[in-house]
Amino acid sequence: MTSVMSAQHTMENTPRPSQHLAEPLSLRTVAAALGCNASYFSARFKKETGQTLSEFILQERMRLAADLLLNTRLQVQTVAQYCGFLDVNYFSRSFRQTTGCSPSEYRKTSRALQV
């Protein structure tokens, strides 16, 4: 029972990938930060969440981007950087694939709906 409680305590106190979205994140870096094997972490993450770590990171980055686009006046390039994208064009393509519109269109349309 002590080892289960210890493992649970470790997981609860481990920084979540979503707290580091502006940083370059990879399976290896996250697994290393948790002190476990990348293959083990990958399988466990998929089993627990139903998605790969890469899918999760992209989903969280897009969520953060949508929030920043709606609630700040940051330029799209700055939003991209805050969300961990070094290339604004790749960010825009990823955002369009996720939401169906460009970051600028999303901001304009969503703000119009809020009024």
PDB file of N, CA and C in Angstrom:
ATOM      1  N   MET A   1       0.822  -1.186   0.000  1.00  0.00           N
ATOM      2  CA  MET A   1       0.000   0.000   0.000  1.00  0.00           C
ATOM      3  C   MET A   1       0.871   1.257   0.000  1.00  0.00           C
ATOM      4  N   THR A   2       1.974   1.224   0.686  1.00  0.00           N
ATOM      5  CA  THR A   2       2.858   2.375   0.733  1.00  0.00           C
ATOM      6  C   THR A   2       3.403   2.720  -0.644  1.00  0.00           C
ATOM      7  N   SER A   3       3.764   1.708  -1.440  1.00  0.00           N
ATOM      8  CA  SER A   3       4.285   1.988  -2.776  1.00  0.00           C
ATOM      9  C   SER A   3       3.219   2.593  -3.678  1.00  0.00           C
ATOM     10  N   VAL A   4       1.965   2.178  -3.524  1.00  0.00           N
ATOM     11  CA  VAL A   4       0.873   2.758  -4.310  1.00  0.00           C
ATOM     12  C   VAL A   4       0.678   4.217  -3.917  1.00  0.00           C
ATOM     13  N   MET A   5       0.684   4.495  -2.616  1.00  0.00           N
ATOM     14  CA  MET A   5       0.526   5.871  -2.157  1.00  0.00           C
ATOM     15  C   MET A   5       1.703   6.721  -2.600  1.00  0.00           C
ATOM     16  N   SER A   6       2.902   6.162  -2.583  1.00  0.00           N
ATOM     17  CA  SER A   6       4.086   6.876  -3.019  1.00  0.00           C
ATOM     18  C   SER A   6       4.006   7.209  -4.506  1.00  0.00           C
ATOM     19  N   ALA A   7       3.578   6.236  -5.304  1.00  0.00           N
ATOM     20  CA  ALA A   7       3.441   6.467  -6.749  1.00  0.00           C
ATOM     21  C   ALA A   7       2.383   7.519  -7.036  1.00  0.00           C
ATOM     22  N   GLN A   8       1.265   7.451  -6.312  1.00  0.00           N
ATOM     23  CA  GLN A   8       0.205   8.426  -6.506  1.00  0.00           C
ATOM     24  C   GLN A   8       0.696   9.819  -6.121  1.00  0.00           C
ATOM     25  N   HIS A   9       1.417   9.930  -5.007  1.00  0.00           N
ATOM     26  CA  HIS A   9       1.964  11.197  -4.562  1.00  0.00           C
ATOM     27  C   HIS A   9       2.932  11.765  -5.606  1.00  0.00           C
ATOM     28  N   THR A  10       3.755  10.896  -6.174  1.00  0.00           N
ATOM     29  CA  THR A  10       4.707  11.318  -7.198  1.00  0.00           C
ATOM     30  C   THR A  10       3.978  11.856  -8.414  1.00  0.00           C
ATOM     31  N   MET A  11       2.944  11.155  -8.891  1.00  0.00           N
ATOM     32  CA  MET A  11       2.195  11.592 -10.073  1.00  0.00           C
ATOM     33  C   MET A  11       1.485  12.920  -9.804  1.00  0.00           C
ATOM     34  N   GLU A  12       0.928  13.086  -8.601  1.00  0.00           N
ATOM     35  CA  GLU A  12       0.213  14.315  -8.285  1.00  0.00           C
ATOM     36  C   GLU A  12       1.145  15.514  -8.219  1.00  0.00           C
ATOM     37  N   ASN A  13       2.383  15.287  -7.826  1.00  0.00           N
ATOM     38  CA  ASN A  13       3.334  16.384  -7.665  1.00  0.00           C
ATOM     39  C   ASN A  13       4.261  16.563  -8.853  1.00  0.00           C
ATOM     40  N   THR A  14       4.053  15.794  -9.895  1.00  0.00           N
ATOM     41  CA  THR A  14       4.874  15.902 -11.092  1.00  0.00           C
ATOM     42  C   THR A  14       4.272  16.964 -11.996  1.00  0.00           C
ATOM     43  N   PRO A  15       5.088  17.866 -12.498  1.00  0.00           N
ATOM     44  CA  PRO A  15       4.558  18.885 -13.413  1.00  0.00           C
ATOM     45  C   PRO A  15       3.892  18.237 -14.629  1.00  0.00           C
ATOM     46  N   ARG A  16       2.737  18.737 -14.980  1.00  0.00           N
ATOM     47  CA  ARG A  16       2.022  18.225 -16.149  1.00  0.00           C
ATOM     48  C   ARG A  16       2.607  18.850 -17.410  1.00  0.00           C
ATOM     49  N   PRO A  17       2.587  18.110 -18.527  1.00  0.00           N
ATOM     50  CA  PRO A  17       3.079  18.695 -19.778  1.00  0.00           C
ATOM     51  C   PRO A  17       2.388  20.009 -20.122  1.00  0.00           C
ATOM     52  N   SER A  18       1.111  20.142 -19.754  1.00  0.00           N
ATOM     53  CA  SER A  18       0.377  21.358 -20.093  1.00  0.00           C
ATOM     54  C   SER A  18       0.924  22.584 -19.371  1.00  0.00           C
ATOM     55  N   GLN A  19       1.719  22.390 -18.319  1.00  0.00           N
ATOM     56  CA  GLN A  19       2.322  23.519 -17.623  1.00  0.00           C
ATOM     57  C   GLN A  19       3.560  24.024 -18.354  1.00  0.00           C
ATOM     58  N   HIS A  20       3.975  23.321 -19.383  1.00  0.00           N
ATOM     59  CA  HIS A  20       5.214  23.647 -20.082  1.00  0.00           C
ATOM     60  C   HIS A  20       5.001  23.754 -21.599  1.00  0.00           C
ATOM     61  N   LEU A  21       3.841  24.224 -22.010  1.00  0.00           N
ATOM     62  CA  LEU A  21       3.496  24.203 -23.430  1.00  0.00           C
ATOM     63  C   LEU A  21       4.388  25.070 -24.301  1.00  0.00           C
ATOM     64  N   ALA A  22       4.986  26.101 -23.750  1.00  0.00           N
ATOM     65  CA  ALA A  22       5.849  26.967 -24.556  1.00  0.00           C
ATOM     66  C   ALA A  22       7.217  26.327 -24.789  1.00  0.00           C
ATOM     67  N   GLU A  23       7.525  25.289 -24.034  1.00  0.00           N
ATOM     68  CA  GLU A  23       8.824  24.623 -24.150  1.00  0.00           C
ATOM     69  C   GLU A  23       8.759  23.535 -25.220  1.00  0.00           C
ATOM     70  N   PRO A  24       9.910  23.193 -25.793  1.00  0.00           N
ATOM     71  CA  PRO A  24       9.923  22.041 -26.706  1.00  0.00           C
ATOM     72  C   PRO A  24       9.657  20.774 -25.895  1.00  0.00           C
ATOM     73  N   LEU A  25       8.628  20.060 -26.244  1.00  0.00           N
ATOM     74  CA  LEU A  25       8.258  18.849 -25.513  1.00  0.00           C
ATOM     75  C   LEU A  25       8.349  17.640 -26.430  1.00  0.00           C
ATOM     76  N   SER A  26       8.909  16.577 -25.915  1.00  0.00           N
ATOM     77  CA  SER A  26       8.958  15.327 -26.659  1.00  0.00           C
ATOM     78  C   SER A  26       8.719  14.196 -25.675  1.00  0.00           C
ATOM     79  N   LEU A  27       8.431  13.049 -26.212  1.00  0.00           N
ATOM     80  CA  LEU A  27       8.227  11.877 -25.376  1.00  0.00           C
ATOM     81  C   LEU A  27       9.443  11.632 -24.495  1.00  0.00           C
ATOM     82  N   ARG A  28      10.624  11.728 -25.082  1.00  0.00           N
ATOM     83  CA  ARG A  28      11.858  11.488 -24.312  1.00  0.00           C
ATOM     84  C   ARG A  28      12.043  12.484 -23.173  1.00  0.00           C
ATOM     85  N   THR A  29      11.822  13.768 -23.464  1.00  0.00           N
ATOM     86  CA  THR A  29      12.046  14.774 -22.426  1.00  0.00           C
ATOM     87  C   THR A  29      11.037  14.635 -21.287  1.00  0.00           C
ATOM     88  N   VAL A  30       9.792  14.360 -21.630  1.00  0.00           N
ATOM     89  CA  VAL A  30       8.765  14.206 -20.591  1.00  0.00           C
ATOM     90  C   VAL A  30       9.043  12.951 -19.768  1.00  0.00           C
ATOM     91  N   ALA A  31       9.346  11.850 -20.432  1.00  0.00           N
ATOM     92  CA  ALA A  31       9.650  10.605 -19.715  1.00  0.00           C
ATOM     93  C   ALA A  31      10.872  10.789 -18.821  1.00  0.00           C
ATOM     94  N   ALA A  32      11.893  11.463 -19.331  1.00  0.00           N
ATOM     95  CA  ALA A  32      13.105  11.697 -18.534  1.00  0.00           C
ATOM     96  C   ALA A  32      12.784  12.553 -17.310  1.00  0.00           C
ATOM     97  N   ALA A  33      11.940  13.564 -17.484  1.00  0.00           N
ATOM     98  CA  ALA A  33      11.557  14.419 -16.359  1.00  0.00           C
ATOM     99  C   ALA A  33      10.809  13.628 -15.291  1.00  0.00           C
ATOM    100  N   LEU A  34      10.087  12.600 -15.724  1.00  0.00           N
ATOM    101  CA  LEU A  34       9.352  11.750 -14.787  1.00  0.00           C
ATOM    102  C   LEU A  34      10.201  10.605 -14.257  1.00  0.00           C
ATOM    103  N   GLY A  35      11.391  10.447 -14.842  1.00  0.00           N
ATOM    104  CA  GLY A  35      12.293   9.395 -14.396  1.00  0.00           C
ATOM    105  C   GLY A  35      11.863   8.006 -14.813  1.00  0.00           C
ATOM    106  N   CYS A  36      11.279   7.894 -16.002  1.00  0.00           N
ATOM    107  CA  CYS A  36      10.870   6.571 -16.467  1.00  0.00           C
ATOM    108  C   CYS A  36      11.257   6.370 -17.929  1.00  0.00           C
ATOM    109  N   ASN A  37      11.135   5.158 -18.365  1.00  0.00           N
ATOM    110  CA  ASN A  37      11.456   4.762 -19.722  1.00  0.00           C
ATOM    111  C   ASN A  37      10.428   5.362 -20.690  1.00  0.00           C
ATOM    112  N   ALA A  38      10.899   5.869 -21.838  1.00  0.00           N
ATOM    113  CA  ALA A  38      10.003   6.506 -22.814  1.00  0.00           C
ATOM    114  C   ALA A  38       8.955   5.534 -23.345  1.00  0.00           C
ATOM    115  N   SER A  39       9.332   4.307 -23.621  1.00  0.00           N
ATOM    116  CA  SER A  39       8.371   3.323 -24.132  1.00  0.00           C
ATOM    117  C   SER A  39       7.290   3.024 -23.107  1.00  0.00           C
ATOM    118  N   TYR A  40       7.710   2.848 -21.856  1.00  0.00           N
ATOM    119  CA  TYR A  40       6.756   2.584 -20.779  1.00  0.00           C
ATOM    120  C   TYR A  40       5.809   3.764 -20.618  1.00  0.00           C
ATOM    121  N   PHE A  41       6.367   4.977 -20.576  1.00  0.00           N
ATOM    122  CA  PHE A  41       5.550   6.165 -20.403  1.00  0.00           C
ATOM    123  C   PHE A  41       4.559   6.320 -21.548  1.00  0.00           C
ATOM    124  N   SER A  42       5.023   6.091 -22.772  1.00  0.00           N
ATOM    125  CA  SER A  42       4.161   6.213 -23.941  1.00  0.00           C
ATOM    126  C   SER A  42       2.965   5.270 -23.856  1.00  0.00           C
ATOM    127  N   ALA A  43       3.236   4.018 -23.535  1.00  0.00           N
ATOM    128  CA  ALA A  43       2.161   3.022 -23.435  1.00  0.00           C
ATOM    129  C   ALA A  43       1.207   3.372 -22.294  1.00  0.00           C
ATOM    130  N   ARG A  44       1.752   3.768 -21.170  1.00  0.00           N
ATOM    131  CA  ARG A  44       0.928   4.102 -20.000  1.00  0.00           C
ATOM    132  C   ARG A  44       0.080   5.348 -20.272  1.00  0.00           C
ATOM    133  N   PHE A  45       0.678   6.362 -20.901  1.00  0.00           N
ATOM    134  CA  PHE A  45      -0.040   7.591 -21.207  1.00  0.00           C
ATOM    135  C   PHE A  45      -1.206   7.300 -22.145  1.00  0.00           C
ATOM    136  N   LYS A  46      -0.946   6.518 -23.186  1.00  0.00           N
ATOM    137  CA  LYS A  46      -1.995   6.163 -24.156  1.00  0.00           C
ATOM    138  C   LYS A  46      -3.115   5.381 -23.469  1.00  0.00           C
ATOM    139  N   LYS A  47      -2.732   4.456 -22.597  1.00  0.00           N
ATOM    140  CA  LYS A  47      -3.729   3.646 -21.892  1.00  0.00           C
ATOM    141  C   LYS A  47      -4.595   4.515 -20.980  1.00  0.00           C
ATOM    142  N   GLU A  48      -3.976   5.453 -20.299  1.00  0.00           N
ATOM    143  CA  GLU A  48      -4.693   6.291 -19.337  1.00  0.00           C
ATOM    144  C   GLU A  48      -5.534   7.391 -19.997  1.00  0.00           C
ATOM    145  N   THR A  49      -5.052   7.939 -21.114  1.00  0.00           N
ATOM    146  CA  THR A  49      -5.727   9.098 -21.712  1.00  0.00           C
ATOM    147  C   THR A  49      -6.450   8.787 -23.018  1.00  0.00           C
ATOM    148  N   GLY A  50      -6.071   7.682 -23.664  1.00  0.00           N
ATOM    149  CA  GLY A  50      -6.666   7.360 -24.954  1.00  0.00           C
ATOM    150  C   GLY A  50      -6.039   8.110 -26.117  1.00  0.00           C
ATOM    151  N   GLN A  51      -4.984   8.868 -25.853  1.00  0.00           N
ATOM    152  CA  GLN A  51      -4.296   9.587 -26.918  1.00  0.00           C
ATOM    153  C   GLN A  51      -2.793   9.534 -26.674  1.00  0.00           C
ATOM    154  N   THR A  52      -2.050   9.777 -27.742  1.00  0.00           N
ATOM    155  CA  THR A  52      -0.599   9.805 -27.596  1.00  0.00           C
ATOM    156  C   THR A  52      -0.197  11.108 -26.912  1.00  0.00           C
ATOM    157  N   LEU A  53       1.021  11.147 -26.435  1.00  0.00           N
ATOM    158  CA  LEU A  53       1.516  12.375 -25.817  1.00  0.00           C
ATOM    159  C   LEU A  53       1.522  13.515 -26.837  1.00  0.00           C
ATOM    160  N   SER A  54       1.922  13.235 -28.054  1.00  0.00           N
ATOM    161  CA  SER A  54       1.938  14.268 -29.104  1.00  0.00           C
ATOM    162  C   SER A  54       0.543  14.819 -29.367  1.00  0.00           C
ATOM    163  N   GLU A  55      -0.453  13.947 -29.418  1.00  0.00           N
ATOM    164  CA  GLU A  55      -1.836  14.391 -29.620  1.00  0.00           C
ATOM    165  C   GLU A  55      -2.284  15.270 -28.452  1.00  0.00           C
ATOM    166  N   PHE A  56      -1.946  14.833 -27.246  1.00  0.00           N
ATOM    167  CA  PHE A  56      -2.307  15.594 -26.053  1.00  0.00           C
ATOM    168  C   PHE A  56      -1.657  16.981 -26.062  1.00  0.00           C
ATOM    169  N   ILE A  57      -0.377  17.029 -26.365  1.00  0.00           N
ATOM    170  CA  ILE A  57       0.338  18.308 -26.382  1.00  0.00           C
ATOM    171  C   ILE A  57      -0.264  19.245 -27.423  1.00  0.00           C
ATOM    172  N   LEU A  58      -0.532  18.738 -28.621  1.00  0.00           N
ATOM    173  CA  LEU A  58      -1.138  19.569 -29.661  1.00  0.00           C
ATOM    174  C   LEU A  58      -2.510  20.063 -29.219  1.00  0.00           C
ATOM    175  N   GLN A  59      -3.306  19.186 -28.645  1.00  0.00           N
ATOM    176  CA  GLN A  59      -4.643  19.568 -28.165  1.00  0.00           C
ATOM    177  C   GLN A  59      -4.547  20.677 -27.119  1.00  0.00           C
ATOM    178  N   GLU A  60      -3.643  20.532 -26.172  1.00  0.00           N
ATOM    179  CA  GLU A  60      -3.486  21.539 -25.124  1.00  0.00           C
ATOM    180  C   GLU A  60      -2.936  22.847 -25.680  1.00  0.00           C
ATOM    181  N   ARG A  61      -2.023  22.752 -26.626  1.00  0.00           N
ATOM    182  CA  ARG A  61      -1.491  23.971 -27.257  1.00  0.00           C
ATOM    183  C   ARG A  61      -2.585  24.703 -28.025  1.00  0.00           C
ATOM    184  N   MET A  62      -3.451  23.979 -28.698  1.00  0.00           N
ATOM    185  CA  MET A  62      -4.545  24.605 -29.444  1.00  0.00           C
ATOM    186  C   MET A  62      -5.561  25.222 -28.489  1.00  0.00           C
ATOM    187  N   ARG A  63      -5.810  24.564 -27.365  1.00  0.00           N
ATOM    188  CA  ARG A  63      -6.705  25.121 -26.349  1.00  0.00           C
ATOM    189  C   ARG A  63      -6.157  26.437 -25.805  1.00  0.00           C
ATOM    190  N   LEU A  64      -4.864  26.443 -25.489  1.00  0.00           N
ATOM    191  CA  LEU A  64      -4.223  27.654 -24.998  1.00  0.00           C
ATOM    192  C   LEU A  64      -4.266  28.742 -26.065  1.00  0.00           C
ATOM    193  N   ALA A  65      -3.985  28.379 -27.302  1.00  0.00           N
ATOM    194  CA  ALA A  65      -4.003  29.352 -28.400  1.00  0.00           C
ATOM    195  C   ALA A  65      -5.387  29.976 -28.545  1.00  0.00           C
ATOM    196  N   ALA A  66      -6.424  29.162 -28.516  1.00  0.00           N
ATOM    197  CA  ALA A  66      -7.786  29.683 -28.646  1.00  0.00           C
ATOM    198  C   ALA A  66      -8.093  30.667 -27.516  1.00  0.00           C
ATOM    199  N   ASP A  67      -7.681  30.316 -26.310  1.00  0.00           N
ATOM    200  CA  ASP A  67      -7.897  31.199 -25.161  1.00  0.00           C
ATOM    201  C   ASP A  67      -7.147  32.518 -25.336  1.00  0.00           C
ATOM    202  N   LEU A  68      -5.901  32.444 -25.749  1.00  0.00           N
ATOM    203  CA  LEU A  68      -5.109  33.664 -25.950  1.00  0.00           C
ATOM    204  C   LEU A  68      -5.668  34.526 -27.074  1.00  0.00           C
ATOM    205  N   LEU A  69      -6.128  33.891 -28.138  1.00  0.00           N
ATOM    206  CA  LEU A  69      -6.694  34.648 -29.257  1.00  0.00           C
ATOM    207  C   LEU A  69      -7.969  35.381 -28.839  1.00  0.00           C
ATOM    208  N   LEU A  70      -8.758  34.749 -27.992  1.00  0.00           N
ATOM    209  CA  LEU A  70     -10.017  35.368 -27.571  1.00  0.00           C
ATOM    210  C   LEU A  70      -9.847  36.414 -26.479  1.00  0.00           C
ATOM    211  N   ASN A  71      -8.882  36.206 -25.613  1.00  0.00           N
ATOM    212  CA  ASN A  71      -8.815  37.023 -24.404  1.00  0.00           C
ATOM    213  C   ASN A  71      -7.631  37.976 -24.322  1.00  0.00           C
ATOM    214  N   THR A  72      -6.850  38.058 -25.382  1.00  0.00           N
ATOM    215  CA  THR A  72      -5.734  39.007 -25.405  1.00  0.00           C
ATOM    216  C   THR A  72      -5.703  39.689 -26.769  1.00  0.00           C
ATOM    217  N   ARG A  73      -4.865  40.671 -26.877  1.00  0.00           N
ATOM    218  CA  ARG A  73      -4.643  41.338 -28.163  1.00  0.00           C
ATOM    219  C   ARG A  73      -3.277  40.969 -28.734  1.00  0.00           C
ATOM    220  N   LEU A  74      -2.723  39.869 -28.252  1.00  0.00           N
ATOM    221  CA  LEU A  74      -1.422  39.423 -28.739  1.00  0.00           C
ATOM    222  C   LEU A  74      -1.476  39.126 -30.227  1.00  0.00           C
ATOM    223  N   GLN A  75      -0.397  39.424 -30.932  1.00  0.00           N
ATOM    224  CA  GLN A  75      -0.309  39.083 -32.344  1.00  0.00           C
ATOM    225  C   GLN A  75      -0.286  37.560 -32.476  1.00  0.00           C
ATOM    226  N   VAL A  76      -0.718  37.070 -33.615  1.00  0.00           N
ATOM    227  CA  VAL A  76      -0.761  35.623 -33.860  1.00  0.00           C
ATOM    228  C   VAL A  76       0.624  35.013 -33.679  1.00  0.00           C
ATOM    229  N   GLN A  77       1.655  35.694 -34.128  1.00  0.00           N
ATOM    230  CA  GLN A  77       3.018  35.169 -33.980  1.00  0.00           C
ATOM    231  C   GLN A  77       3.388  35.007 -32.503  1.00  0.00           C
ATOM    232  N   THR A  78       2.982  35.938 -31.681  1.00  0.00           N
ATOM    233  CA  THR A  78       3.269  35.864 -30.248  1.00  0.00           C
ATOM    234  C   THR A  78       2.478  34.735 -29.605  1.00  0.00           C
ATOM    235  N   VAL A  79       1.233  34.580 -29.995  1.00  0.00           N
ATOM    236  CA  VAL A  79       0.416  33.462 -29.499  1.00  0.00           C
ATOM    237  C   VAL A  79       1.089  32.143 -29.859  1.00  0.00           C
ATOM    238  N   ALA A  80       1.546  32.047 -31.093  1.00  0.00           N
ATOM    239  CA  ALA A  80       2.233  30.826 -31.536  1.00  0.00           C
ATOM    240  C   ALA A  80       3.422  30.525 -30.636  1.00  0.00           C
ATOM    241  N   GLN A  81       4.227  31.535 -30.334  1.00  0.00           N
ATOM    242  CA  GLN A  81       5.400  31.340 -29.475  1.00  0.00           C
ATOM    243  C   GLN A  81       5.001  30.925 -28.066  1.00  0.00           C
ATOM    244  N   TYR A  82       3.976  31.541 -27.498  1.00  0.00           N
ATOM    245  CA  TYR A  82       3.498  31.183 -26.160  1.00  0.00           C
ATOM    246  C   TYR A  82       3.024  29.729 -26.114  1.00  0.00           C
ATOM    247  N   CYS A  83       2.597  29.227 -27.260  1.00  0.00           N
ATOM    248  CA  CYS A  83       2.063  27.863 -27.327  1.00  0.00           C
ATOM    249  C   CYS A  83       3.108  26.849 -27.790  1.00  0.00           C
ATOM    250  N   GLY A  84       4.356  27.278 -27.907  1.00  0.00           N
ATOM    251  CA  GLY A  84       5.430  26.350 -28.221  1.00  0.00           C
ATOM    252  C   GLY A  84       5.718  26.139 -29.691  1.00  0.00           C
ATOM    253  N   PHE A  85       5.202  27.005 -30.548  1.00  0.00           N
ATOM    254  CA  PHE A  85       5.447  26.895 -31.984  1.00  0.00           C
ATOM    255  C   PHE A  85       6.504  27.913 -32.392  1.00  0.00           C
ATOM    256  N   LEU A  86       7.566  27.454 -32.995  1.00  0.00           N
ATOM    257  CA  LEU A  86       8.619  28.354 -33.458  1.00  0.00           C
ATOM    258  C   LEU A  86       8.288  28.934 -34.830  1.00  0.00           C
ATOM    259  N   ASP A  87       7.466  28.230 -35.588  1.00  0.00           N
ATOM    260  CA  ASP A  87       7.109  28.629 -36.952  1.00  0.00           C
ATOM    261  C   ASP A  87       5.635  29.024 -36.979  1.00  0.00           C
ATOM    262  N   VAL A  88       5.348  30.306 -37.215  1.00  0.00           N
ATOM    263  CA  VAL A  88       3.972  30.796 -37.207  1.00  0.00           C
ATOM    264  C   VAL A  88       3.135  30.149 -38.316  1.00  0.00           C
ATOM    265  N   ASN A  89       3.761  29.807 -39.442  1.00  0.00           N
ATOM    266  CA  ASN A  89       3.011  29.150 -40.519  1.00  0.00           C
ATOM    267  C   ASN A  89       2.567  27.746 -40.107  1.00  0.00           C
ATOM    268  N   TYR A  90       3.458  27.012 -39.435  1.00  0.00           N
ATOM    269  CA  TYR A  90       3.084  25.678 -38.940  1.00  0.00           C
ATOM    270  C   TYR A  90       1.983  25.801 -37.885  1.00  0.00           C
ATOM    271  N   PHE A  91       2.090  26.806 -37.025  1.00  0.00           N
ATOM    272  CA  PHE A  91       1.051  27.053 -36.029  1.00  0.00           C
ATOM    273  C   PHE A  91      -0.292  27.316 -36.712  1.00  0.00           C
ATOM    274  N   SER A  92      -0.288  28.180 -37.708  1.00  0.00           N
ATOM    275  CA  SER A  92      -1.532  28.528 -38.408  1.00  0.00           C
ATOM    276  C   SER A  92      -2.148  27.312 -39.098  1.00  0.00           C
ATOM    277  N   ARG A  93      -1.303  26.489 -39.733  1.00  0.00           N
ATOM    278  CA  ARG A  93      -1.811  25.259 -40.372  1.00  0.00           C
ATOM    279  C   ARG A  93      -2.409  24.314 -39.329  1.00  0.00           C
ATOM    280  N   SER A  94      -1.707  24.139 -38.224  1.00  0.00           N
ATOM    281  CA  SER A  94      -2.192  23.255 -37.158  1.00  0.00           C
ATOM    282  C   SER A  94      -3.486  23.787 -36.563  1.00  0.00           C
ATOM    283  N   PHE A  95      -3.560  25.094 -36.371  1.00  0.00           N
ATOM    284  CA  PHE A  95      -4.769  25.702 -35.814  1.00  0.00           C
ATOM    285  C   PHE A  95      -5.939  25.519 -36.765  1.00  0.00           C
ATOM    286  N   ARG A  96      -5.693  25.728 -38.059  1.00  0.00           N
ATOM    287  CA  ARG A  96      -6.750  25.555 -39.055  1.00  0.00           C
ATOM    288  C   ARG A  96      -7.238  24.101 -39.104  1.00  0.00           C
ATOM    289  N   GLN A  97      -6.312  23.151 -39.029  1.00  0.00           N
ATOM    290  CA  GLN A  97      -6.692  21.734 -39.033  1.00  0.00           C
ATOM    291  C   GLN A  97      -7.539  21.386 -37.811  1.00  0.00           C
ATOM    292  N   THR A  98      -7.236  22.017 -36.691  1.00  0.00           N
ATOM    293  CA  THR A  98      -7.943  21.722 -35.448  1.00  0.00           C
ATOM    294  C   THR A  98      -9.302  22.406 -35.375  1.00  0.00           C
ATOM    295  N   THR A  99      -9.363  23.675 -35.784  1.00  0.00           N
ATOM    296  CA  THR A  99     -10.588  24.457 -35.587  1.00  0.00           C
ATOM    297  C   THR A  99     -11.401  24.686 -36.855  1.00  0.00           C
ATOM    298  N   GLY A 100     -10.766  24.506 -38.011  1.00  0.00           N
ATOM    299  CA  GLY A 100     -11.459  24.757 -39.267  1.00  0.00           C
ATOM    300  C   GLY A 100     -11.311  26.178 -39.773  1.00  0.00           C
ATOM    301  N   CYS A 101     -10.558  27.009 -39.050  1.00  0.00           N
ATOM    302  CA  CYS A 101     -10.322  28.372 -39.523  1.00  0.00           C
ATOM    303  C   CYS A 101      -8.948  28.843 -39.050  1.00  0.00           C
ATOM    304  N   SER A 102      -8.478  29.910 -39.646  1.00  0.00           N
ATOM    305  CA  SER A 102      -7.170  30.456 -39.281  1.00  0.00           C
ATOM    306  C   SER A 102      -7.264  31.120 -37.909  1.00  0.00           C
ATOM    307  N   PRO A 103      -6.135  31.351 -37.254  1.00  0.00           N
ATOM    308  CA  PRO A 103      -6.175  32.052 -35.969  1.00  0.00           C
ATOM    309  C   PRO A 103      -6.848  33.423 -36.058  1.00  0.00           C
ATOM    310  N   SER A 104      -6.568  34.168 -37.110  1.00  0.00           N
ATOM    311  CA  SER A 104      -7.183  35.504 -37.266  1.00  0.00           C
ATOM    312  C   SER A 104      -8.694  35.391 -37.456  1.00  0.00           C
ATOM    313  N   GLU A 105      -9.123  34.447 -38.283  1.00  0.00           N
ATOM    314  CA  GLU A 105     -10.556  34.237 -38.490  1.00  0.00           C
ATOM    315  C   GLU A 105     -11.231  33.805 -37.188  1.00  0.00           C
ATOM    316  N   TYR A 106     -10.574  32.938 -36.449  1.00  0.00           N
ATOM    317  CA  TYR A 106     -11.116  32.463 -35.174  1.00  0.00           C
ATOM    318  C   TYR A 106     -11.326  33.636 -34.225  1.00  0.00           C
ATOM    319  N   ARG A 107     -10.329  34.491 -34.120  1.00  0.00           N
ATOM    320  CA  ARG A 107     -10.415  35.649 -33.236  1.00  0.00           C
ATOM    321  C   ARG A 107     -11.557  36.562 -33.658  1.00  0.00           C
ATOM    322  N   LYS A 108     -11.632  36.855 -34.947  1.00  0.00           N
ATOM    323  CA  LYS A 108     -12.650  37.771 -35.461  1.00  0.00           C
ATOM    324  C   LYS A 108     -14.055  37.181 -35.274  1.00  0.00           C
ATOM    325  N   THR A 109     -14.243  35.929 -35.656  1.00  0.00           N
ATOM    326  CA  THR A 109     -15.552  35.281 -35.574  1.00  0.00           C
ATOM    327  C   THR A 109     -16.003  35.100 -34.128  1.00  0.00           C
ATOM    328  N   SER A 110     -15.105  34.634 -33.292  1.00  0.00           N
ATOM    329  CA  SER A 110     -15.465  34.371 -31.902  1.00  0.00           C
ATOM    330  C   SER A 110     -15.755  35.642 -31.145  1.00  0.00           C
ATOM    331  N   ARG A 111     -15.011  36.700 -31.414  1.00  0.00           N
ATOM    332  CA  ARG A 111     -15.277  37.982 -30.744  1.00  0.00           C
ATOM    333  C   ARG A 111     -16.605  38.563 -31.221  1.00  0.00           C
ATOM    334  N   ALA A 112     -16.939  38.384 -32.494  1.00  0.00           N
ATOM    335  CA  ALA A 112     -18.220  38.882 -33.017  1.00  0.00           C
ATOM    336  C   ALA A 112     -19.380  38.162 -32.339  1.00  0.00           C
ATOM    337  N   LEU A 113     -19.201  36.875 -32.030  1.00  0.00           N
ATOM    338  CA  LEU A 113     -20.257  36.113 -31.376  1.00  0.00           C
ATOM    339  C   LEU A 113     -20.422  36.503 -29.914  1.00  0.00           C
ATOM    340  N   GLN A 114     -19.378  37.032 -29.284  1.00  0.00           N
ATOM    341  CA  GLN A 114     -19.426  37.418 -27.880  1.00  0.00           C
ATOM    342  C   GLN A 114     -20.186  38.724 -27.673  1.00  0.00           C
ATOM    343  N   VAL A 115     -20.289  39.543 -28.702  1.00  0.00           N
ATOM    344  CA  VAL A 115     -20.937  40.857 -28.574  1.00  0.00           C
ATOM    345  C   VAL A 115     -22.414  40.755 -28.516  1.00  0.00           C
TER     346      VAL A 115
END
